Amino acid sequence: MSTTPVSATGTIRPVRRVRHQARESLAVMAFSAGASGLLAGGLLLLTLLAR
């Protein structure tokens, strides 16, 4: 019996490696940090302009 993952249609799916998951998690963290920085900068700019 094989331990190769097979989908319901019978085709072999590529195995997801830890490095792929790590790369994706780093991309999500970078996006989150960038979005948070932009939001904080925008709010700071609004606060300064409202004076």
PDB file of N, CA and C in Angstrom:
ATOM      1  N   MET A   1       0.839  -1.174   0.000  1.00  0.00           N
ATOM      2  CA  MET A   1       0.000   0.000   0.000  1.00  0.00           C
ATOM      3  C   MET A   1       0.885   1.238   0.000  1.00  0.00           C
ATOM      4  N   SER A   2       0.544   2.230  -0.805  1.00  0.00           N
ATOM      5  CA  SER A   2       1.327   3.448  -0.943  1.00  0.00           C
ATOM      6  C   SER A   2       0.850   4.521   0.034  1.00  0.00           C
ATOM      7  N   THR A   3       1.771   5.369   0.444  1.00  0.00           N
ATOM      8  CA  THR A   3       1.412   6.484   1.322  1.00  0.00           C
ATOM      9  C   THR A   3       1.374   7.798   0.558  1.00  0.00           C
ATOM     10  N   THR A   4       1.421   7.739  -0.789  1.00  0.00           N
ATOM     11  CA  THR A   4       1.359   8.931  -1.616  1.00  0.00           C
ATOM     12  C   THR A   4      -0.063   9.477  -1.597  1.00  0.00           C
ATOM     13  N   PRO A   5      -0.249  10.794  -1.280  1.00  0.00           N
ATOM     14  CA  PRO A   5      -1.605  11.343  -1.250  1.00  0.00           C
ATOM     15  C   PRO A   5      -2.242  11.349  -2.633  1.00  0.00           C
ATOM     16  N   VAL A   6      -3.471  10.856  -2.719  1.00  0.00           N
ATOM     17  CA  VAL A   6      -4.205  10.792  -3.981  1.00  0.00           C
ATOM     18  C   VAL A   6      -5.558  11.444  -3.749  1.00  0.00           C
ATOM     19  N   SER A   7      -5.956  12.316  -4.681  1.00  0.00           N
ATOM     20  CA  SER A   7      -7.253  12.975  -4.558  1.00  0.00           C
ATOM     21  C   SER A   7      -8.367  12.017  -4.979  1.00  0.00           C
ATOM     22  N   ALA A   8      -9.610  12.496  -4.865  1.00  0.00           N
ATOM     23  CA  ALA A   8     -10.769  11.661  -5.194  1.00  0.00           C
ATOM     24  C   ALA A   8     -10.796  11.280  -6.669  1.00  0.00           C
ATOM     25  N   THR A   9     -10.195  12.083  -7.553  1.00  0.00           N
ATOM     26  CA  THR A   9     -10.223  11.773  -8.977  1.00  0.00           C
ATOM     27  C   THR A   9      -9.119  10.801  -9.366  1.00  0.00           C
ATOM     28  N   GLY A  10      -8.216  10.499  -8.429  1.00  0.00           N
ATOM     29  CA  GLY A  10      -7.165   9.534  -8.717  1.00  0.00           C
ATOM     30  C   GLY A  10      -5.847  10.162  -9.135  1.00  0.00           C
ATOM     31  N   THR A  11      -5.770  11.481  -9.208  1.00  0.00           N
ATOM     32  CA  THR A  11      -4.510  12.123  -9.578  1.00  0.00           C
ATOM     33  C   THR A  11      -3.669  12.360  -8.323  1.00  0.00           C
ATOM     34  N   ILE A  12      -2.382  12.314  -8.483  1.00  0.00           N
ATOM     35  CA  ILE A  12      -1.473  12.512  -7.358  1.00  0.00           C
ATOM     36  C   ILE A  12      -1.300  14.011  -7.120  1.00  0.00           C
ATOM     37  N   ARG A  13      -1.522  14.415  -5.867  1.00  0.00           N
ATOM     38  CA  ARG A  13      -1.354  15.821  -5.497  1.00  0.00           C
ATOM     39  C   ARG A  13       0.075  16.052  -5.017  1.00  0.00           C
ATOM     40  N   PRO A  14       0.646  17.228  -5.306  1.00  0.00           N
ATOM     41  CA  PRO A  14       1.988  17.514  -4.790  1.00  0.00           C
ATOM     42  C   PRO A  14       1.950  17.685  -3.272  1.00  0.00           C
ATOM     43  N   VAL A  15       2.996  17.239  -2.629  1.00  0.00           N
ATOM     44  CA  VAL A  15       3.077  17.326  -1.176  1.00  0.00           C
ATOM     45  C   VAL A  15       3.468  18.746  -0.784  1.00  0.00           C
ATOM     46  N   ARG A  16       2.726  19.310   0.168  1.00  0.00           N
ATOM     47  CA  ARG A  16       3.066  20.652   0.659  1.00  0.00           C
ATOM     48  C   ARG A  16       4.206  20.513   1.657  1.00  0.00           C
ATOM     49  N   ARG A  17       5.253  21.222   1.418  1.00  0.00           N
ATOM     50  CA  ARG A  17       6.424  21.167   2.279  1.00  0.00           C
ATOM     51  C   ARG A  17       6.351  22.255   3.340  1.00  0.00           C
ATOM     52  N   VAL A  18       7.111  22.060   4.400  1.00  0.00           N
ATOM     53  CA  VAL A  18       7.144  23.020   5.499  1.00  0.00           C
ATOM     54  C   VAL A  18       7.654  24.369   5.009  1.00  0.00           C
ATOM     55  N   ARG A  19       8.610  24.365   4.095  1.00  0.00           N
ATOM     56  CA  ARG A  19       9.144  25.642   3.612  1.00  0.00           C
ATOM     57  C   ARG A  19       8.091  26.439   2.847  1.00  0.00           C
ATOM     58  N   HIS A  20       7.164  25.760   2.172  1.00  0.00           N
ATOM     59  CA  HIS A  20       6.080  26.460   1.488  1.00  0.00           C
ATOM     60  C   HIS A  20       5.149  27.109   2.510  1.00  0.00           C
ATOM     61  N   GLN A  21       4.847  26.378   3.559  1.00  0.00           N
ATOM     62  CA  GLN A  21       3.986  26.930   4.602  1.00  0.00           C
ATOM     63  C   GLN A  21       4.681  28.084   5.310  1.00  0.00           C
ATOM     64  N   ALA A  22       5.987  27.970   5.547  1.00  0.00           N
ATOM     65  CA  ALA A  22       6.735  29.044   6.199  1.00  0.00           C
ATOM     66  C   ALA A  22       6.772  30.283   5.312  1.00  0.00           C
ATOM     67  N   ARG A  23       6.959  30.096   4.009  1.00  0.00           N
ATOM     68  CA  ARG A  23       6.978  31.227   3.080  1.00  0.00           C
ATOM     69  C   ARG A  23       5.626  31.928   3.063  1.00  0.00           C
ATOM     70  N   GLU A  24       4.553  31.163   3.051  1.00  0.00           N
ATOM     71  CA  GLU A  24       3.217  31.757   3.050  1.00  0.00           C
ATOM     72  C   GLU A  24       2.934  32.482   4.357  1.00  0.00           C
ATOM     73  N   SER A  25       3.361  31.923   5.470  1.00  0.00           N
ATOM     74  CA  SER A  25       3.115  32.586   6.751  1.00  0.00           C
ATOM     75  C   SER A  25       3.933  33.868   6.849  1.00  0.00           C
ATOM     76  N   LEU A  26       5.154  33.889   6.311  1.00  0.00           N
ATOM     77  CA  LEU A  26       5.948  35.118   6.294  1.00  0.00           C
ATOM     78  C   LEU A  26       5.296  36.180   5.409  1.00  0.00           C
ATOM     79  N   ALA A  27       4.721  35.754   4.293  1.00  0.00           N
ATOM     80  CA  ALA A  27       4.033  36.697   3.413  1.00  0.00           C
ATOM     81  C   ALA A  27       2.812  37.296   4.113  1.00  0.00           C
ATOM     82  N   VAL A  28       2.076  36.485   4.845  1.00  0.00           N
ATOM     83  CA  VAL A  28       0.911  36.982   5.575  1.00  0.00           C
ATOM     84  C   VAL A  28       1.344  37.955   6.666  1.00  0.00           C
ATOM     85  N   MET A  29       2.428  37.630   7.376  1.00  0.00           N
ATOM     86  CA  MET A  29       2.919  38.523   8.429  1.00  0.00           C
ATOM     87  C   MET A  29       3.406  39.844   7.846  1.00  0.00           C
ATOM     88  N   ALA A  30       4.098  39.798   6.709  1.00  0.00           N
ATOM     89  CA  ALA A  30       4.579  41.022   6.071  1.00  0.00           C
ATOM     90  C   ALA A  30       3.414  41.882   5.598  1.00  0.00           C
ATOM     91  N   PHE A  31       2.409  41.263   5.010  1.00  0.00           N
ATOM     92  CA  PHE A  31       1.222  42.005   4.574  1.00  0.00           C
ATOM     93  C   PHE A  31       0.512  42.633   5.763  1.00  0.00           C
ATOM     94  N   SER A  32       0.373  41.873   6.842  1.00  0.00           N
ATOM     95  CA  SER A  32      -0.297  42.382   8.028  1.00  0.00           C
ATOM     96  C   SER A  32       0.460  43.559   8.623  1.00  0.00           C
ATOM     97  N   ALA A  33       1.782  43.450   8.691  1.00  0.00           N
ATOM     98  CA  ALA A  33       2.591  44.548   9.228  1.00  0.00           C
ATOM     99  C   ALA A  33       2.483  45.781   8.333  1.00  0.00           C
ATOM    100  N   GLY A  34       2.532  45.584   7.033  1.00  0.00           N
ATOM    101  CA  GLY A  34       2.408  46.709   6.106  1.00  0.00           C
ATOM    102  C   GLY A  34       1.050  47.378   6.188  1.00  0.00           C
ATOM    103  N   ALA A  35       0.005  46.580   6.249  1.00  0.00           N
ATOM    104  CA  ALA A  35      -1.341  47.139   6.336  1.00  0.00           C
ATOM    105  C   ALA A  35      -1.528  47.889   7.650  1.00  0.00           C
ATOM    106  N   SER A  36      -1.012  47.348   8.739  1.00  0.00           N
ATOM    107  CA  SER A  36      -1.117  48.016  10.034  1.00  0.00           C
ATOM    108  C   SER A  36      -0.344  49.331  10.024  1.00  0.00           C
ATOM    109  N   GLY A  37       0.838  49.317   9.430  1.00  0.00           N
ATOM    110  CA  GLY A  37       1.639  50.540   9.337  1.00  0.00           C
ATOM    111  C   GLY A  37       0.952  51.615   8.516  1.00  0.00           C
ATOM    112  N   LEU A  38       0.380  51.221   7.392  1.00  0.00           N
ATOM    113  CA  LEU A  38      -0.340  52.185   6.556  1.00  0.00           C
ATOM    114  C   LEU A  38      -1.567  52.749   7.274  1.00  0.00           C
ATOM    115  N   LEU A  39      -2.269  51.900   7.969  1.00  0.00           N
ATOM    116  CA  LEU A  39      -3.448  52.361   8.702  1.00  0.00           C
ATOM    117  C   LEU A  39      -3.038  53.320   9.819  1.00  0.00           C
ATOM    118  N   ALA A  40      -1.990  52.973  10.559  1.00  0.00           N
ATOM    119  CA  ALA A  40      -1.520  53.854  11.630  1.00  0.00           C
ATOM    120  C   ALA A  40      -1.025  55.182  11.062  1.00  0.00           C
ATOM    121  N   GLY A  41      -0.296  55.133   9.959  1.00  0.00           N
ATOM    122  CA  GLY A  41       0.175  56.360   9.326  1.00  0.00           C
ATOM    123  C   GLY A  41      -0.972  57.228   8.832  1.00  0.00           C
ATOM    124  N   GLY A  42      -1.968  56.606   8.262  1.00  0.00           N
ATOM    125  CA  GLY A  42      -3.137  57.344   7.789  1.00  0.00           C
ATOM    126  C   GLY A  42      -3.889  58.003   8.930  1.00  0.00           C
ATOM    127  N   LEU A  43      -4.055  57.284  10.026  1.00  0.00           N
ATOM    128  CA  LEU A  43      -4.731  57.871  11.179  1.00  0.00           C
ATOM    129  C   LEU A  43      -3.918  59.006  11.785  1.00  0.00           C
ATOM    130  N   LEU A  44      -2.606  58.852  11.822  1.00  0.00           N
ATOM    131  CA  LEU A  44      -1.744  59.914  12.325  1.00  0.00           C
ATOM    132  C   LEU A  44      -1.836  61.146  11.428  1.00  0.00           C
ATOM    133  N   LEU A  45      -1.840  60.935  10.136  1.00  0.00           N
ATOM    134  CA  LEU A  45      -1.963  62.049   9.193  1.00  0.00           C
ATOM    135  C   LEU A  45      -3.298  62.759   9.355  1.00  0.00           C
ATOM    136  N   LEU A  46      -4.361  61.998   9.515  1.00  0.00           N
ATOM    137  CA  LEU A  46      -5.685  62.600   9.740  1.00  0.00           C
ATOM    138  C   LEU A  46      -5.695  63.413  11.033  1.00  0.00           C
ATOM    139  N   THR A  47      -5.077  62.883  12.058  1.00  0.00           N
ATOM    140  CA  THR A  47      -5.031  63.586  13.341  1.00  0.00           C
ATOM    141  C   THR A  47      -4.267  64.887  13.222  1.00  0.00           C
ATOM    142  N   LEU A  48      -3.137  64.848  12.508  1.00  0.00           N
ATOM    143  CA  LEU A  48      -2.324  66.055  12.350  1.00  0.00           C
ATOM    144  C   LEU A  48      -3.028  67.100  11.478  1.00  0.00           C
ATOM    145  N   LEU A  49      -3.755  66.660  10.463  1.00  0.00           N
ATOM    146  CA  LEU A  49      -4.449  67.588   9.579  1.00  0.00           C
ATOM    147  C   LEU A  49      -5.698  68.185  10.238  1.00  0.00           C
ATOM    148  N   ALA A  50      -6.242  67.508  11.239  1.00  0.00           N
ATOM    149  CA  ALA A  50      -7.454  67.979  11.884  1.00  0.00           C
ATOM    150  C   ALA A  50      -7.188  69.117  12.867  1.00  0.00           C
ATOM    151  N   ARG A  51      -5.936  69.371  13.170  1.00  0.00           N
ATOM    152  CA  ARG A  51      -5.603  70.446  14.128  1.00  0.00           C
ATOM    153  C   ARG A  51      -5.919  71.792  13.592  1.00  0.00           C
TER     154      ARG A  51
END
